Amino acid sequence: SFLLFFPMVFLTPAWMPRDALTGWLAAIATWNPVTYIIEGLRTLFIGWDGAALGKTLAAVGGMGALSQYLAFSALKRRTTP
């Protein structure tokens, strides 16, 4: 999971505002779920923004659901003869 998550952090606005990103990096940051997690955490420190927190919860829920689906699919393949 580290090999997947670590590069995703560099394709997010963790190091600069999303408005400063241009071209392909802005497009990737828009579709990257880690972007919304980072922006949600940032809004907890700076000030409460309901829309950003909602996107964060949706991103966490989506990533959790996808991870569970992939884990259960792999478990089913390994345990069924």
Protein backbone atom coordinates (compact mmCIF):
# COMPACT_ATOMS: atom_id res chain seq x y z
CA SER A 1 0.00 0.00 0.00
CA PHE A 2 2.95 2.34 0.61
CA LEU A 3 4.08 1.96 -3.01
CA LEU A 4 0.63 3.03 -4.15
CA PHE A 5 -0.03 5.80 -1.62
CA PHE A 6 3.38 7.53 -1.60
CA PRO A 7 3.40 8.58 -5.30
CA MET A 8 -0.24 9.67 -5.00
CA VAL A 9 0.75 12.23 -2.36
CA PHE A 10 3.08 13.96 -4.83
CA LEU A 11 0.22 14.23 -7.33
CA THR A 12 -1.91 16.27 -4.93
CA PRO A 13 -1.97 19.90 -3.80
CA ALA A 14 -0.20 18.97 -0.55
CA TRP A 15 2.79 21.13 -1.43
CA MET A 16 1.00 24.03 -3.15
CA PRO A 17 -2.59 25.25 -3.64
CA ARG A 18 -4.66 23.45 -6.28
CA ASP A 19 -5.09 26.75 -8.15
CA ALA A 20 -1.32 26.87 -8.73
CA LEU A 21 -1.28 23.47 -10.46
CA THR A 22 -1.47 23.54 -14.25
CA GLY A 23 -1.86 21.12 -17.12
CA TRP A 24 -1.75 17.40 -16.53
CA LEU A 25 -0.88 17.81 -12.84
CA ALA A 26 -4.10 19.77 -12.22
CA ALA A 27 -6.13 17.09 -14.01
CA ILE A 28 -4.56 14.29 -11.97
CA ALA A 29 -5.00 16.21 -8.72
CA THR A 30 -8.70 16.68 -9.49
CA TRP A 31 -9.26 12.93 -9.88
CA ASN A 32 -6.91 11.87 -7.08
CA PRO A 33 -8.91 10.97 -3.93
CA VAL A 34 -5.93 11.86 -1.73
CA THR A 35 -6.43 15.49 -2.83
CA TYR A 36 -9.77 15.65 -1.05
CA ILE A 37 -8.37 14.01 2.07
CA ILE A 38 -5.55 16.55 2.26
CA GLU A 39 -7.91 19.47 1.61
CA GLY A 40 -10.28 18.18 4.28
CA LEU A 41 -7.50 17.92 6.83
CA ARG A 42 -6.31 21.38 5.86
CA THR A 43 -9.78 22.81 6.42
CA LEU A 44 -9.86 21.28 9.91
CA PHE A 45 -6.79 23.32 10.82
CA ILE A 46 -7.66 26.55 9.01
CA GLY A 47 -11.43 26.73 9.44
CA TRP A 48 -14.46 24.53 9.10
CA ASP A 49 -15.72 24.22 5.52
CA GLY A 50 -18.64 21.83 5.21
CA ALA A 51 -18.20 21.21 1.48
CA ALA A 52 -14.54 20.26 1.85
CA LEU A 53 -15.31 17.99 4.78
CA GLY A 54 -18.10 16.33 2.79
CA LYS A 55 -15.74 15.66 -0.10
CA THR A 56 -13.21 14.26 2.35
CA LEU A 57 -15.72 11.86 3.86
CA ALA A 58 -16.84 10.79 0.37
CA ALA A 59 -13.22 10.19 -0.71
CA VAL A 60 -12.43 8.19 2.43
CA GLY A 61 -15.63 6.17 2.06
CA GLY A 62 -14.97 5.51 -1.62
CA MET A 63 -11.39 4.45 -1.04
CA GLY A 64 -12.50 2.24 1.85
CA ALA A 65 -15.24 0.59 -0.20
CA LEU A 66 -12.87 -0.03 -3.11
CA SER A 67 -10.20 -1.44 -0.79
CA GLN A 68 -12.71 -3.79 0.86
CA TYR A 69 -14.01 -4.97 -2.50
CA LEU A 70 -10.50 -5.71 -3.77
CA ALA A 71 -9.52 -7.45 -0.52
CA PHE A 72 -12.64 -9.64 -0.46
CA SER A 73 -12.23 -10.48 -4.14
CA ALA A 74 -8.63 -11.56 -3.57
CA LEU A 75 -9.64 -13.58 -0.50
CA LYS A 76 -12.42 -15.31 -2.42
CA ARG A 77 -10.05 -16.24 -5.27
CA ARG A 78 -7.53 -17.69 -2.83
CA THR A 79 -9.98 -19.65 -0.70
CA THR A 80 -12.29 -21.18 -3.30
CA PRO A 81 -11.02 -24.32 -5.04
